[in-house]
Amino acid sequence: MDRKAIIKEKLQGIESYNPGHIPTLEEHLTWQITNNEYDFEANLALLRLYQFNPERFNAECAKLVLLKAIVSMNHWDFTLCKYLIHLEHLSKEPLLHVVQLGFLLETCRFTEFWMKVKENPKLVSAISGFRESVCKFIVQIISQTYQRISKILLMNFLDIQENELIQFCKKYQWSETIDENNAELILVNNHEENIKSVKIRERVNFDSITSMSEAFRPSKSDFFIKTTYNVNK
């Protein structure tokens, strides 16, 4: 049985609320950081135990949980983890900076996100693959949003130099072009692959139309009221 399965078994039922598991879960979090692993359920359980045992709250561990949630590329992971932390802790460091990073990424303010990262690079240095995971997320958003994008804007979004952009173009099969104003653009070739057609099936038959027409047919009383109104008028 692997480590994650062992932790999951320990947290069955009411045991997930046992504060005695806090040291084990904190150690498990350290293991995730060291081995570039991710165990969302275990991290959520740790934050829940902090919630019910506020005197045991560890801001550094909570920070690492939030950072791991950011690089998971799952918006709901970060949101759920954030909601389990008291606002008092979220509004001050070291969590405040992480929350701001998460917000900027969620709202696709990528250039501001990288500027925020550079304000305190040590904050994310413990998370292996942080930059690569964030870039992968940004590429996913770009592929779903753009058919073509300004070369400069794309480099700013990914916080990369031109030589790095060449590697991205090869990896994701993007190509460079120039528009009528001589502006450099990147063609996102896989945009159409992310658009899935939806087959619509009509479920309205003749019988249902007949019943609907009956519902809208005026009654004798309606006719009498309208006729009387017109005569009196």
C-alpha atoms as a PDB file:
ATOM      1  CA  MET A   1       0.000   0.000   0.000  1.00  0.00           C
ATOM      2  CA  ASP A   2       1.443   3.379  -0.995  1.00  0.00           C
ATOM      3  CA  ARG A   3       1.797   6.354   1.302  1.00  0.00           C
ATOM      4  CA  LYS A   4      -1.327   8.176   0.110  1.00  0.00           C
ATOM      5  CA  ALA A   5      -3.455   5.072   0.614  1.00  0.00           C
ATOM      6  CA  ILE A   6      -2.111   4.641   4.155  1.00  0.00           C
ATOM      7  CA  ILE A   7      -2.977   8.243   5.023  1.00  0.00           C
ATOM      8  CA  LYS A   8      -6.435   7.838   3.501  1.00  0.00           C
ATOM      9  CA  GLU A   9      -7.074   4.721   5.590  1.00  0.00           C
ATOM     10  CA  LYS A  10      -6.041   6.548   8.765  1.00  0.00           C
ATOM     11  CA  LEU A  11      -8.576   9.298   8.083  1.00  0.00           C
ATOM     12  CA  GLN A  12     -11.612   7.057   7.672  1.00  0.00           C
ATOM     13  CA  GLY A  13     -14.827   8.146   9.379  1.00  0.00           C
ATOM     14  CA  ILE A  14     -14.557  10.063  12.609  1.00  0.00           C
ATOM     15  CA  GLU A  15     -10.755   9.728  12.556  1.00  0.00           C
ATOM     16  CA  SER A  16     -10.611  12.586  10.059  1.00  0.00           C
ATOM     17  CA  TYR A  17     -11.511  14.872  12.990  1.00  0.00           C
ATOM     18  CA  ASN A  18      -8.887  13.463  15.351  1.00  0.00           C
ATOM     19  CA  PRO A  19      -6.371  16.257  16.152  1.00  0.00           C
ATOM     20  CA  GLY A  20      -3.835  13.561  16.925  1.00  0.00           C
ATOM     21  CA  HIS A  21      -3.343  13.167  13.174  1.00  0.00           C
ATOM     22  CA  ILE A  22      -2.119  16.743  12.696  1.00  0.00           C
ATOM     23  CA  PRO A  23       1.622  15.889  13.044  1.00  0.00           C
ATOM     24  CA  THR A  24       1.214  12.989  10.603  1.00  0.00           C
ATOM     25  CA  LEU A  25      -0.531  15.182   8.037  1.00  0.00           C
ATOM     26  CA  GLU A  26       2.049  17.955   8.417  1.00  0.00           C
ATOM     27  CA  GLU A  27       4.813  15.420   7.852  1.00  0.00           C
ATOM     28  CA  HIS A  28       2.888  14.066   4.860  1.00  0.00           C
ATOM     29  CA  LEU A  29       2.729  17.607   3.450  1.00  0.00           C
ATOM     30  CA  THR A  30       6.514  17.892   3.767  1.00  0.00           C
ATOM     31  CA  TRP A  31       6.809  14.591   1.900  1.00  0.00           C
ATOM     32  CA  GLN A  32       4.636  15.992  -0.907  1.00  0.00           C
ATOM     33  CA  ILE A  33       6.867  19.048  -1.212  1.00  0.00           C
ATOM     34  CA  THR A  34      10.053  16.988  -1.248  1.00  0.00           C
ATOM     35  CA  ASN A  35       8.818  14.403  -3.750  1.00  0.00           C
ATOM     36  CA  ASN A  36       6.718  16.698  -5.957  1.00  0.00           C
ATOM     37  CA  GLU A  37       3.552  14.777  -5.052  1.00  0.00           C
ATOM     38  CA  TYR A  38       0.052  16.059  -4.386  1.00  0.00           C
ATOM     39  CA  ASP A  39      -2.580  14.713  -2.000  1.00  0.00           C
ATOM     40  CA  PHE A  40      -5.529  17.079  -2.031  1.00  0.00           C
ATOM     41  CA  GLU A  41      -7.732  15.052   0.337  1.00  0.00           C
ATOM     42  CA  ALA A  42      -5.005  14.820   2.982  1.00  0.00           C
ATOM     43  CA  ASN A  43      -4.258  18.539   2.730  1.00  0.00           C
ATOM     44  CA  LEU A  44      -7.939  19.356   3.020  1.00  0.00           C
ATOM     45  CA  ALA A  45      -8.150  17.162   6.128  1.00  0.00           C
ATOM     46  CA  LEU A  46      -5.207  19.055   7.653  1.00  0.00           C
ATOM     47  CA  LEU A  47      -6.884  22.429   7.092  1.00  0.00           C
ATOM     48  CA  ARG A  48     -10.121  21.068   8.539  1.00  0.00           C
ATOM     49  CA  LEU A  49      -8.290  19.969  11.679  1.00  0.00           C
ATOM     50  CA  TYR A  50      -6.744  23.438  11.970  1.00  0.00           C
ATOM     51  CA  GLN A  51     -10.253  24.860  11.661  1.00  0.00           C
ATOM     52  CA  PHE A  52     -11.551  22.790  14.583  1.00  0.00           C
ATOM     53  CA  ASN A  53      -8.338  23.196  16.589  1.00  0.00           C
ATOM     54  CA  PRO A  54      -7.310  26.843  16.034  1.00  0.00           C
ATOM     55  CA  GLU A  55      -4.610  26.661  18.693  1.00  0.00           C
ATOM     56  CA  ARG A  56      -2.773  24.125  16.489  1.00  0.00           C
ATOM     57  CA  PHE A  57      -2.843  26.300  13.348  1.00  0.00           C
ATOM     58  CA  ASN A  58       0.455  26.335  11.440  1.00  0.00           C
ATOM     59  CA  ALA A  59       0.673  29.246   8.990  1.00  0.00           C
ATOM     60  CA  GLU A  60       3.674  27.800   7.142  1.00  0.00           C
ATOM     61  CA  CYS A  61       1.895  24.513   6.490  1.00  0.00           C
ATOM     62  CA  ALA A  62      -1.256  26.338   5.399  1.00  0.00           C
ATOM     63  CA  LYS A  63       0.870  28.392   3.003  1.00  0.00           C
ATOM     64  CA  LEU A  64       2.329  25.247   1.454  1.00  0.00           C
ATOM     65  CA  VAL A  65      -1.124  23.693   1.094  1.00  0.00           C
ATOM     66  CA  LEU A  66      -2.355  26.765  -0.805  1.00  0.00           C
ATOM     67  CA  LEU A  67       0.712  26.825  -3.053  1.00  0.00           C
ATOM     68  CA  LYS A  68       0.293  23.133  -3.879  1.00  0.00           C
ATOM     69  CA  ALA A  69      -3.350  23.829  -4.697  1.00  0.00           C
ATOM     70  CA  ILE A  70      -2.323  26.623  -7.071  1.00  0.00           C
ATOM     71  CA  VAL A  71       0.030  24.389  -9.070  1.00  0.00           C
ATOM     72  CA  SER A  72      -2.549  21.591  -9.201  1.00  0.00           C
ATOM     73  CA  MET A  73      -4.209  23.565 -12.035  1.00  0.00           C
ATOM     74  CA  ASN A  74      -7.585  22.862 -10.464  1.00  0.00           C
ATOM     75  CA  HIS A  75      -9.400  26.069  -9.556  1.00  0.00           C
ATOM     76  CA  TRP A  76     -11.655  24.344  -7.043  1.00  0.00           C
ATOM     77  CA  ASP A  77      -8.734  22.919  -5.061  1.00  0.00           C
ATOM     78  CA  PHE A  78      -7.455  26.394  -4.236  1.00  0.00           C
ATOM     79  CA  THR A  79     -10.943  27.722  -3.533  1.00  0.00           C
ATOM     80  CA  LEU A  80     -11.883  24.889  -1.167  1.00  0.00           C
ATOM     81  CA  CYS A  81      -8.588  25.127   0.715  1.00  0.00           C
ATOM     82  CA  LYS A  82      -8.933  28.887   1.059  1.00  0.00           C
ATOM     83  CA  TYR A  83     -12.450  28.605   2.495  1.00  0.00           C
ATOM     84  CA  LEU A  84     -11.202  26.336   5.281  1.00  0.00           C
ATOM     85  CA  ILE A  85      -8.789  28.983   6.564  1.00  0.00           C
ATOM     86  CA  HIS A  86     -10.017  31.729   8.863  1.00  0.00           C
ATOM     87  CA  LEU A  87     -10.094  35.204   7.328  1.00  0.00           C
ATOM     88  CA  GLU A  88      -7.840  36.477  10.103  1.00  0.00           C
ATOM     89  CA  HIS A  89      -5.020  34.257   8.811  1.00  0.00           C
ATOM     90  CA  LEU A  90      -5.722  34.943   5.133  1.00  0.00           C
ATOM     91  CA  SER A  91      -5.485  38.692   5.654  1.00  0.00           C
ATOM     92  CA  LYS A  92      -1.883  38.627   6.877  1.00  0.00           C
ATOM     93  CA  GLU A  93       1.444  37.180   5.794  1.00  0.00           C
ATOM     94  CA  PRO A  94       2.543  34.662   4.783  1.00  0.00           C
ATOM     95  CA  LEU A  95      -0.911  33.676   3.502  1.00  0.00           C
ATOM     96  CA  LEU A  96      -1.938  37.085   2.158  1.00  0.00           C
ATOM     97  CA  HIS A  97       0.671  36.979  -0.600  1.00  0.00           C
ATOM     98  CA  VAL A  98      -0.373  33.463  -1.639  1.00  0.00           C
ATOM     99  CA  VAL A  99      -4.058  34.418  -1.712  1.00  0.00           C
ATOM    100  CA  GLN A 100      -3.212  37.364  -3.964  1.00  0.00           C
ATOM    101  CA  LEU A 101      -1.284  35.056  -6.289  1.00  0.00           C
ATOM    102  CA  GLY A 102      -4.237  32.698  -6.473  1.00  0.00           C
ATOM    103  CA  PHE A 103      -6.628  35.551  -7.223  1.00  0.00           C
ATOM    104  CA  LEU A 104      -4.463  36.949 -10.033  1.00  0.00           C
ATOM    105  CA  LEU A 105      -4.154  33.523 -11.624  1.00  0.00           C
ATOM    106  CA  GLU A 106      -7.881  32.794 -11.311  1.00  0.00           C
ATOM    107  CA  THR A 107      -8.744  36.100 -12.989  1.00  0.00           C
ATOM    108  CA  CYS A 108      -6.167  35.555 -15.768  1.00  0.00           C
ATOM    109  CA  ARG A 109      -4.111  38.604 -14.808  1.00  0.00           C
ATOM    110  CA  PHE A 110      -0.959  36.740 -15.726  1.00  0.00           C
ATOM    111  CA  THR A 111       1.455  39.644 -16.093  1.00  0.00           C
ATOM    112  CA  GLU A 112       0.498  40.933 -12.644  1.00  0.00           C
ATOM    113  CA  PHE A 113       0.833  37.398 -11.296  1.00  0.00           C
ATOM    114  CA  TRP A 114       4.487  37.145 -12.332  1.00  0.00           C
ATOM    115  CA  MET A 115       5.196  40.608 -10.955  1.00  0.00           C
ATOM    116  CA  LYS A 116       3.754  39.465  -7.630  1.00  0.00           C
ATOM    117  CA  VAL A 117       5.872  36.308  -7.687  1.00  0.00           C
ATOM    118  CA  LYS A 118       9.011  38.392  -8.221  1.00  0.00           C
ATOM    119  CA  GLU A 119       8.201  40.521  -5.183  1.00  0.00           C
ATOM    120  CA  ASN A 120       8.925  37.510  -2.993  1.00  0.00           C
ATOM    121  CA  PRO A 121      10.545  34.686  -5.007  1.00  0.00           C
ATOM    122  CA  LYS A 122      11.415  32.730  -1.857  1.00  0.00           C
ATOM    123  CA  LEU A 123       7.712  32.247  -1.201  1.00  0.00           C
ATOM    124  CA  VAL A 124       7.337  29.750  -4.045  1.00  0.00           C
ATOM    125  CA  SER A 125      10.887  28.390  -4.119  1.00  0.00           C
ATOM    126  CA  ALA A 126       9.955  25.376  -1.977  1.00  0.00           C
ATOM    127  CA  ILE A 127       7.375  24.167  -4.511  1.00  0.00           C
ATOM    128  CA  SER A 128       9.032  21.990  -7.131  1.00  0.00           C
ATOM    129  CA  GLY A 129       7.779  22.687 -10.643  1.00  0.00           C
ATOM    130  CA  PHE A 130       5.847  25.793  -9.600  1.00  0.00           C
ATOM    131  CA  ARG A 131       6.774  27.851 -12.652  1.00  0.00           C
ATOM    132  CA  GLU A 132       6.298  24.957 -15.095  1.00  0.00           C
ATOM    133  CA  SER A 133       2.857  24.113 -13.699  1.00  0.00           C
ATOM    134  CA  VAL A 134       1.672  27.718 -13.844  1.00  0.00           C
ATOM    135  CA  CYS A 135       2.929  28.108 -17.421  1.00  0.00           C
ATOM    136  CA  LYS A 136       1.087  24.935 -18.397  1.00  0.00           C
ATOM    137  CA  PHE A 137      -2.114  26.362 -16.925  1.00  0.00           C
ATOM    138  CA  ILE A 138      -1.635  29.656 -18.778  1.00  0.00           C
ATOM    139  CA  VAL A 139      -1.001  27.823 -22.058  1.00  0.00           C
ATOM    140  CA  GLN A 140      -4.243  25.927 -21.537  1.00  0.00           C
ATOM    141  CA  ILE A 141      -6.178  29.175 -21.085  1.00  0.00           C
ATOM    142  CA  ILE A 142      -4.515  30.766 -24.119  1.00  0.00           C
ATOM    143  CA  SER A 143      -5.311  27.734 -26.286  1.00  0.00           C
ATOM    144  CA  GLN A 144      -8.965  27.917 -25.307  1.00  0.00           C
ATOM    145  CA  THR A 145      -9.227  31.683 -25.764  1.00  0.00           C
ATOM    146  CA  TYR A 146      -7.057  32.835 -28.657  1.00  0.00           C
ATOM    147  CA  GLN A 147      -6.661  31.951 -32.312  1.00  0.00           C
ATOM    148  CA  ARG A 148      -3.826  34.418 -32.562  1.00  0.00           C
ATOM    149  CA  ILE A 149      -2.123  36.544 -29.955  1.00  0.00           C
ATOM    150  CA  SER A 150       0.464  39.302 -29.878  1.00  0.00           C
ATOM    151  CA  LYS A 151       3.945  37.853 -29.515  1.00  0.00           C
ATOM    152  CA  ILE A 152       4.880  40.417 -26.873  1.00  0.00           C
ATOM    153  CA  LEU A 153       1.669  39.811 -24.940  1.00  0.00           C
ATOM    154  CA  LEU A 154       2.230  36.059 -24.981  1.00  0.00           C
ATOM    155  CA  MET A 155       5.778  36.462 -23.695  1.00  0.00           C
ATOM    156  CA  ASN A 156       4.468  38.680 -20.896  1.00  0.00           C
ATOM    157  CA  PHE A 157       1.733  36.184 -20.034  1.00  0.00           C
ATOM    158  CA  LEU A 158       4.293  33.377 -19.709  1.00  0.00           C
ATOM    159  CA  ASP A 159       7.082  35.597 -18.343  1.00  0.00           C
ATOM    160  CA  ILE A 160       9.559  34.251 -20.886  1.00  0.00           C
ATOM    161  CA  GLN A 161      12.198  35.556 -23.290  1.00  0.00           C
ATOM    162  CA  GLU A 162      12.184  35.090 -27.061  1.00  0.00           C
ATOM    163  CA  ASN A 163      14.511  32.070 -26.975  1.00  0.00           C
ATOM    164  CA  GLU A 164      12.134  30.365 -24.542  1.00  0.00           C
ATOM    165  CA  LEU A 165       9.175  31.235 -26.753  1.00  0.00           C
ATOM    166  CA  ILE A 166      10.767  29.250 -29.583  1.00  0.00           C
ATOM    167  CA  GLN A 167      10.671  26.149 -27.377  1.00  0.00           C
ATOM    168  CA  PHE A 168       7.037  26.782 -26.464  1.00  0.00           C
ATOM    169  CA  CYS A 169       6.137  27.130 -30.151  1.00  0.00           C
ATOM    170  CA  LYS A 170       7.772  23.794 -30.923  1.00  0.00           C
ATOM    171  CA  LYS A 171       6.125  22.057 -27.990  1.00  0.00           C
ATOM    172  CA  TYR A 172       2.601  23.345 -28.634  1.00  0.00           C
ATOM    173  CA  GLN A 173       2.864  23.612 -32.446  1.00  0.00           C
ATOM    174  CA  TRP A 174       2.377  27.352 -32.516  1.00  0.00           C
ATOM    175  CA  SER A 175       3.656  29.424 -35.424  1.00  0.00           C
ATOM    176  CA  GLU A 176       4.743  33.017 -35.924  1.00  0.00           C
ATOM    177  CA  THR A 177       3.254  35.444 -38.418  1.00  0.00           C
ATOM    178  CA  ILE A 178       2.991  39.176 -39.131  1.00  0.00           C
ATOM    179  CA  ASP A 179      -0.272  41.059 -39.604  1.00  0.00           C
ATOM    180  CA  GLU A 180      -1.038  43.912 -42.015  1.00  0.00           C
ATOM    181  CA  ASN A 181       0.458  46.400 -39.532  1.00  0.00           C
ATOM    182  CA  ASN A 182       3.720  44.434 -39.270  1.00  0.00           C
ATOM    183  CA  ALA A 183       2.860  43.377 -35.726  1.00  0.00           C
ATOM    184  CA  GLU A 184       4.328  40.028 -34.685  1.00  0.00           C
ATOM    185  CA  LEU A 185       1.708  37.429 -33.816  1.00  0.00           C
ATOM    186  CA  ILE A 186       1.622  33.843 -32.630  1.00  0.00           C
ATOM    187  CA  LEU A 187      -0.940  31.549 -34.232  1.00  0.00           C
ATOM    188  CA  VAL A 188      -2.419  29.147 -31.711  1.00  0.00           C
ATOM    189  CA  ASN A 189      -3.039  26.207 -34.024  1.00  0.00           C
ATOM    190  CA  ASN A 190      -4.823  23.973 -31.554  1.00  0.00           C
ATOM    191  CA  HIS A 191      -7.574  26.470 -30.783  1.00  0.00           C
ATOM    192  CA  GLU A 192     -10.139  24.605 -32.870  1.00  0.00           C
ATOM    193  CA  GLU A 193      -9.226  21.295 -31.238  1.00  0.00           C
ATOM    194  CA  ASN A 194     -10.494  22.665 -27.932  1.00  0.00           C
ATOM    195  CA  ILE A 195     -13.886  23.559 -29.377  1.00  0.00           C
ATOM    196  CA  LYS A 196     -16.228  20.602 -29.091  1.00  0.00           C
ATOM    197  CA  SER A 197     -19.333  20.523 -31.220  1.00  0.00           C
ATOM    198  CA  VAL A 198     -22.591  19.808 -29.453  1.00  0.00           C
ATOM    199  CA  LYS A 199     -25.183  17.624 -31.132  1.00  0.00           C
ATOM    200  CA  ILE A 200     -28.666  18.876 -30.314  1.00  0.00           C
ATOM    201  CA  ARG A 201     -31.498  16.397 -30.368  1.00  0.00           C
ATOM    202  CA  GLU A 202     -35.014  17.707 -30.735  1.00  0.00           C
ATOM    203  CA  ARG A 203     -37.391  16.030 -28.314  1.00  0.00           C
ATOM    204  CA  VAL A 204     -40.598  17.833 -29.363  1.00  0.00           C
ATOM    205  CA  ASN A 205     -43.103  15.536 -31.094  1.00  0.00           C
ATOM    206  CA  PHE A 206     -46.554  16.141 -32.578  1.00  0.00           C
ATOM    207  CA  ASP A 207     -48.416  15.075 -29.422  1.00  0.00           C
ATOM    208  CA  SER A 208     -46.516  17.543 -27.244  1.00  0.00           C
ATOM    209  CA  ILE A 209     -47.227  20.370 -29.706  1.00  0.00           C
ATOM    210  CA  THR A 210     -50.934  19.502 -29.631  1.00  0.00           C
ATOM    211  CA  SER A 211     -51.048  19.629 -25.833  1.00  0.00           C
ATOM    212  CA  MET A 212     -49.232  22.959 -25.845  1.00  0.00           C
ATOM    213  CA  SER A 213     -51.689  24.456 -28.347  1.00  0.00           C
ATOM    214  CA  GLU A 214     -54.570  23.395 -26.119  1.00  0.00           C
ATOM    215  CA  ALA A 215     -53.024  25.280 -23.230  1.00  0.00           C
ATOM    216  CA  PHE A 216     -52.908  28.517 -25.220  1.00  0.00           C
ATOM    217  CA  ARG A 217     -56.398  28.200 -26.756  1.00  0.00           C
ATOM    218  CA  PRO A 218     -58.737  30.867 -25.250  1.00  0.00           C
ATOM    219  CA  SER A 219     -61.692  29.589 -23.242  1.00  0.00           C
ATOM    220  CA  LYS A 220     -65.328  30.650 -23.677  1.00  0.00           C
ATOM    221  CA  SER A 221     -65.135  32.759 -20.544  1.00  0.00           C
ATOM    222  CA  ASP A 222     -62.128  34.622 -21.941  1.00  0.00           C
ATOM    223  CA  PHE A 223     -64.072  35.347 -25.129  1.00  0.00           C
ATOM    224  CA  PHE A 224     -67.107  36.550 -23.160  1.00  0.00           C
ATOM    225  CA  ILE A 225     -65.045  38.898 -21.006  1.00  0.00           C
ATOM    226  CA  LYS A 226     -63.221  40.420 -23.974  1.00  0.00           C
ATOM    227  CA  THR A 227     -66.452  40.823 -25.985  1.00  0.00           C
ATOM    228  CA  THR A 228     -68.248  42.447 -23.072  1.00  0.00           C
ATOM    229  CA  TYR A 229     -65.333  44.796 -22.511  1.00  0.00           C
ATOM    230  CA  ASN A 230     -65.324  45.920 -26.134  1.00  0.00           C
ATOM    231  CA  VAL A 231     -69.111  46.474 -26.215  1.00  0.00           C
ATOM    232  CA  ASN A 232     -69.148  48.507 -23.019  1.00  0.00           C
ATOM    233  CA  LYS A 233     -66.211  50.529 -24.234  1.00  0.00           C
END
